[in-house]
Amino acid sequence: MKIIQTENMPKSNGHYSHCVEHNGVLYIAGQLPFDPKTREMAEGIVAQAHQVLSNLKLILTEAGSSLNQVMQVRIYIPDVELWGAVNEVYAEYFTEHKPARCVVPSRELHYGALIELEATAFV
């Protein structure tokens, strides 16, 4: 098992790693919509969806992978009504490549976020 952390990747706020690699598989921790440099949260579901997907792309790149190597994505939203907007933004990042995915309506997310995303990919 190898923990992957670079200067460009988001810093964790707790006792966890954003990316762990084992046998060529990358496990990406839940990404909240914080800008990795400013640590500010985007406003609104569209901006937050772009931010978590940008964070995912950044982490994958830093780990030597890409969006085209994502096998599964799990998305958590506090209201199922947000699903349509999230799906539209998601389709901009995953065009032809369509990983397995679930969208889970949940209760409120940490820090009042409207979306959290985790993923599994390969190197």
C-alpha atoms as a PDB file:
ATOM      1  CA  MET A   1       0.000   0.000   0.000  1.00  0.00           C
ATOM      2  CA  LYS A   2       1.272   3.443  -0.943  1.00  0.00           C
ATOM      3  CA  ILE A   3      -0.140   6.789   0.146  1.00  0.00           C
ATOM      4  CA  ILE A   4       0.020   9.340  -2.661  1.00  0.00           C
ATOM      5  CA  GLN A   5       0.300  12.987  -1.611  1.00  0.00           C
ATOM      6  CA  THR A   6       1.887  15.823  -3.580  1.00  0.00           C
ATOM      7  CA  GLU A   7       2.138  19.573  -3.049  1.00  0.00           C
ATOM      8  CA  ASN A   8      -0.513  20.127  -5.737  1.00  0.00           C
ATOM      9  CA  MET A   9      -3.120  17.848  -4.190  1.00  0.00           C
ATOM     10  CA  PRO A  10      -5.699  19.004  -1.650  1.00  0.00           C
ATOM     11  CA  LYS A  11      -4.610  18.722   1.969  1.00  0.00           C
ATOM     12  CA  SER A  12      -6.770  16.520   4.178  1.00  0.00           C
ATOM     13  CA  ASN A  13      -8.675  18.049   7.081  1.00  0.00           C
ATOM     14  CA  GLY A  14      -8.665  14.850   9.095  1.00  0.00           C
ATOM     15  CA  HIS A  15      -6.915  11.576   9.719  1.00  0.00           C
ATOM     16  CA  TYR A  16      -7.087  10.185   6.164  1.00  0.00           C
ATOM     17  CA  SER A  17      -5.301  10.235   2.811  1.00  0.00           C
ATOM     18  CA  HIS A  18      -6.828  11.618  -0.372  1.00  0.00           C
ATOM     19  CA  CYS A  19      -5.319   8.840  -2.485  1.00  0.00           C
ATOM     20  CA  VAL A  20      -4.062   5.363  -1.665  1.00  0.00           C
ATOM     21  CA  GLU A  21      -2.632   2.996  -4.278  1.00  0.00           C
ATOM     22  CA  HIS A  22      -2.524  -0.768  -3.892  1.00  0.00           C
ATOM     23  CA  ASN A  23      -1.667  -3.220  -6.681  1.00  0.00           C
ATOM     24  CA  GLY A  24      -2.256  -0.540  -9.318  1.00  0.00           C
ATOM     25  CA  VAL A  25      -5.676   0.463  -7.969  1.00  0.00           C
ATOM     26  CA  LEU A  26      -6.238   4.014  -6.720  1.00  0.00           C
ATOM     27  CA  TYR A  27      -8.723   4.649  -3.946  1.00  0.00           C
ATOM     28  CA  ILE A  28      -9.739   8.327  -3.908  1.00  0.00           C
ATOM     29  CA  ALA A  29     -11.238   9.634  -0.653  1.00  0.00           C
ATOM     30  CA  GLY A  30     -14.415  11.676  -0.625  1.00  0.00           C
ATOM     31  CA  GLN A  31     -13.818  15.052  -2.231  1.00  0.00           C
ATOM     32  CA  LEU A  32     -15.701  18.067  -0.971  1.00  0.00           C
ATOM     33  CA  PRO A  33     -15.985  21.170  -3.181  1.00  0.00           C
ATOM     34  CA  PHE A  34     -13.021  23.062  -1.746  1.00  0.00           C
ATOM     35  CA  ASP A  35     -10.491  24.775  -3.977  1.00  0.00           C
ATOM     36  CA  PRO A  36      -7.185  23.051  -3.110  1.00  0.00           C
ATOM     37  CA  LYS A  37      -5.270  26.348  -3.112  1.00  0.00           C
ATOM     38  CA  THR A  38      -7.654  28.841  -1.514  1.00  0.00           C
ATOM     39  CA  ARG A  39      -9.568  26.280   0.619  1.00  0.00           C
ATOM     40  CA  GLU A  40     -12.762  28.160  -0.253  1.00  0.00           C
ATOM     41  CA  MET A  41     -15.981  26.334  -1.101  1.00  0.00           C
ATOM     42  CA  ALA A  42     -17.684  27.090  -4.386  1.00  0.00           C
ATOM     43  CA  GLU A  43     -21.282  28.394  -4.319  1.00  0.00           C
ATOM     44  CA  GLY A  44     -24.160  26.383  -5.812  1.00  0.00           C
ATOM     45  CA  ILE A  45     -24.390  22.825  -7.064  1.00  0.00           C
ATOM     46  CA  VAL A  46     -22.986  23.451 -10.563  1.00  0.00           C
ATOM     47  CA  ALA A  47     -19.857  25.183  -9.263  1.00  0.00           C
ATOM     48  CA  GLN A  48     -19.457  22.587  -6.504  1.00  0.00           C
ATOM     49  CA  ALA A  49     -19.802  19.703  -8.962  1.00  0.00           C
ATOM     50  CA  HIS A  50     -17.127  21.263 -11.177  1.00  0.00           C
ATOM     51  CA  GLN A  51     -14.864  21.658  -8.141  1.00  0.00           C
ATOM     52  CA  VAL A  52     -15.112  18.054  -6.915  1.00  0.00           C
ATOM     53  CA  LEU A  53     -14.555  16.741 -10.441  1.00  0.00           C
ATOM     54  CA  SER A  54     -11.598  19.098 -10.906  1.00  0.00           C
ATOM     55  CA  ASN A  55     -10.192  17.860  -7.593  1.00  0.00           C
ATOM     56  CA  LEU A  56     -10.635  14.269  -8.763  1.00  0.00           C
ATOM     57  CA  LYS A  57      -8.883  15.013 -12.062  1.00  0.00           C
ATOM     58  CA  LEU A  58      -6.002  16.716 -10.227  1.00  0.00           C
ATOM     59  CA  ILE A  59      -5.523  13.821  -7.811  1.00  0.00           C
ATOM     60  CA  LEU A  60      -5.627  11.275 -10.628  1.00  0.00           C
ATOM     61  CA  THR A  61      -3.071  13.244 -12.658  1.00  0.00           C
ATOM     62  CA  GLU A  62      -0.760  13.544  -9.657  1.00  0.00           C
ATOM     63  CA  ALA A  63      -1.075   9.776  -9.127  1.00  0.00           C
ATOM     64  CA  GLY A  64      -0.196   9.009 -12.764  1.00  0.00           C
ATOM     65  CA  SER A  65      -3.748   8.230 -13.850  1.00  0.00           C
ATOM     66  CA  SER A  66      -6.623  10.017 -15.598  1.00  0.00           C
ATOM     67  CA  LEU A  67     -10.392  10.303 -15.760  1.00  0.00           C
ATOM     68  CA  ASN A  68     -10.351   7.621 -18.478  1.00  0.00           C
ATOM     69  CA  GLN A  69      -8.940   5.179 -15.917  1.00  0.00           C
ATOM     70  CA  VAL A  70     -11.738   5.660 -13.388  1.00  0.00           C
ATOM     71  CA  MET A  71     -13.648   2.447 -12.739  1.00  0.00           C
ATOM     72  CA  GLN A  72     -16.262   3.601 -10.226  1.00  0.00           C
ATOM     73  CA  VAL A  73     -17.592   6.870  -8.827  1.00  0.00           C
ATOM     74  CA  ARG A  74     -19.835   7.408  -5.822  1.00  0.00           C
ATOM     75  CA  ILE A  75     -21.551  10.772  -5.482  1.00  0.00           C
ATOM     76  CA  TYR A  76     -23.354  11.944  -2.367  1.00  0.00           C
ATOM     77  CA  ILE A  77     -25.883  14.795  -2.519  1.00  0.00           C
ATOM     78  CA  PRO A  78     -28.172  16.083   0.245  1.00  0.00           C
ATOM     79  CA  ASP A  79     -31.203  16.321  -2.067  1.00  0.00           C
ATOM     80  CA  VAL A  80     -32.175  14.080  -4.998  1.00  0.00           C
ATOM     81  CA  GLU A  81     -33.390  17.228  -6.808  1.00  0.00           C
ATOM     82  CA  LEU A  82     -29.702  18.081  -7.404  1.00  0.00           C
ATOM     83  CA  TRP A  83     -29.177  14.910  -9.468  1.00  0.00           C
ATOM     84  CA  GLY A  84     -29.939  16.507 -12.857  1.00  0.00           C
ATOM     85  CA  ALA A  85     -27.477  19.374 -12.458  1.00  0.00           C
ATOM     86  CA  VAL A  86     -24.800  17.012 -11.139  1.00  0.00           C
ATOM     87  CA  ASN A  87     -25.335  14.624 -14.065  1.00  0.00           C
ATOM     88  CA  GLU A  88     -24.904  17.444 -16.608  1.00  0.00           C
ATOM     89  CA  VAL A  89     -21.591  18.579 -15.089  1.00  0.00           C
ATOM     90  CA  TYR A  90     -20.432  14.966 -14.698  1.00  0.00           C
ATOM     91  CA  ALA A  91     -21.048  14.344 -18.430  1.00  0.00           C
ATOM     92  CA  GLU A  92     -18.656  17.202 -19.263  1.00  0.00           C
ATOM     93  CA  TYR A  93     -15.805  15.366 -17.498  1.00  0.00           C
ATOM     94  CA  PHE A  94     -16.723  11.809 -18.467  1.00  0.00           C
ATOM     95  CA  THR A  95     -17.694  12.142 -22.124  1.00  0.00           C
ATOM     96  CA  GLU A  96     -17.290   8.788 -23.887  1.00  0.00           C
ATOM     97  CA  HIS A  97     -15.887   6.973 -20.843  1.00  0.00           C
ATOM     98  CA  LYS A  98     -18.667   5.952 -18.471  1.00  0.00           C
ATOM     99  CA  PRO A  99     -17.441   4.412 -15.198  1.00  0.00           C
ATOM    100  CA  ALA A 100     -19.805   2.536 -12.917  1.00  0.00           C
ATOM    101  CA  ARG A 101     -21.526   5.141 -10.760  1.00  0.00           C
ATOM    102  CA  CYS A 102     -24.036   5.617  -8.005  1.00  0.00           C
ATOM    103  CA  VAL A 103     -25.608   8.834  -6.776  1.00  0.00           C
ATOM    104  CA  VAL A 104     -26.670   8.630  -3.157  1.00  0.00           C
ATOM    105  CA  PRO A 105     -29.144  11.126  -1.738  1.00  0.00           C
ATOM    106  CA  SER A 106     -28.009  11.609   1.838  1.00  0.00           C
ATOM    107  CA  ARG A 107     -28.567  13.916   4.728  1.00  0.00           C
ATOM    108  CA  GLU A 108     -26.562  17.106   4.982  1.00  0.00           C
ATOM    109  CA  LEU A 109     -22.894  16.883   4.053  1.00  0.00           C
ATOM    110  CA  HIS A 110     -19.968  18.238   6.060  1.00  0.00           C
ATOM    111  CA  TYR A 111     -19.445  22.026   5.976  1.00  0.00           C
ATOM    112  CA  GLY A 112     -22.818  22.437   4.238  1.00  0.00           C
ATOM    113  CA  ALA A 113     -21.476  21.091   0.936  1.00  0.00           C
ATOM    114  CA  LEU A 114     -23.977  20.108  -1.750  1.00  0.00           C
ATOM    115  CA  ILE A 115     -21.836  17.283  -3.143  1.00  0.00           C
ATOM    116  CA  GLU A 116     -19.140  14.819  -2.153  1.00  0.00           C
ATOM    117  CA  LEU A 117     -17.471  12.436  -4.589  1.00  0.00           C
ATOM    118  CA  GLU A 118     -15.234   9.397  -4.145  1.00  0.00           C
ATOM    119  CA  ALA A 119     -13.737   7.168  -6.831  1.00  0.00           C
ATOM    120  CA  THR A 120     -11.750   4.063  -7.659  1.00  0.00           C
ATOM    121  CA  ALA A 121      -9.347   4.112 -10.596  1.00  0.00           C
ATOM    122  CA  PHE A 122      -6.260   2.313 -11.878  1.00  0.00           C
ATOM    123  CA  VAL A 123      -2.747   3.529 -12.635  1.00  0.00           C
END
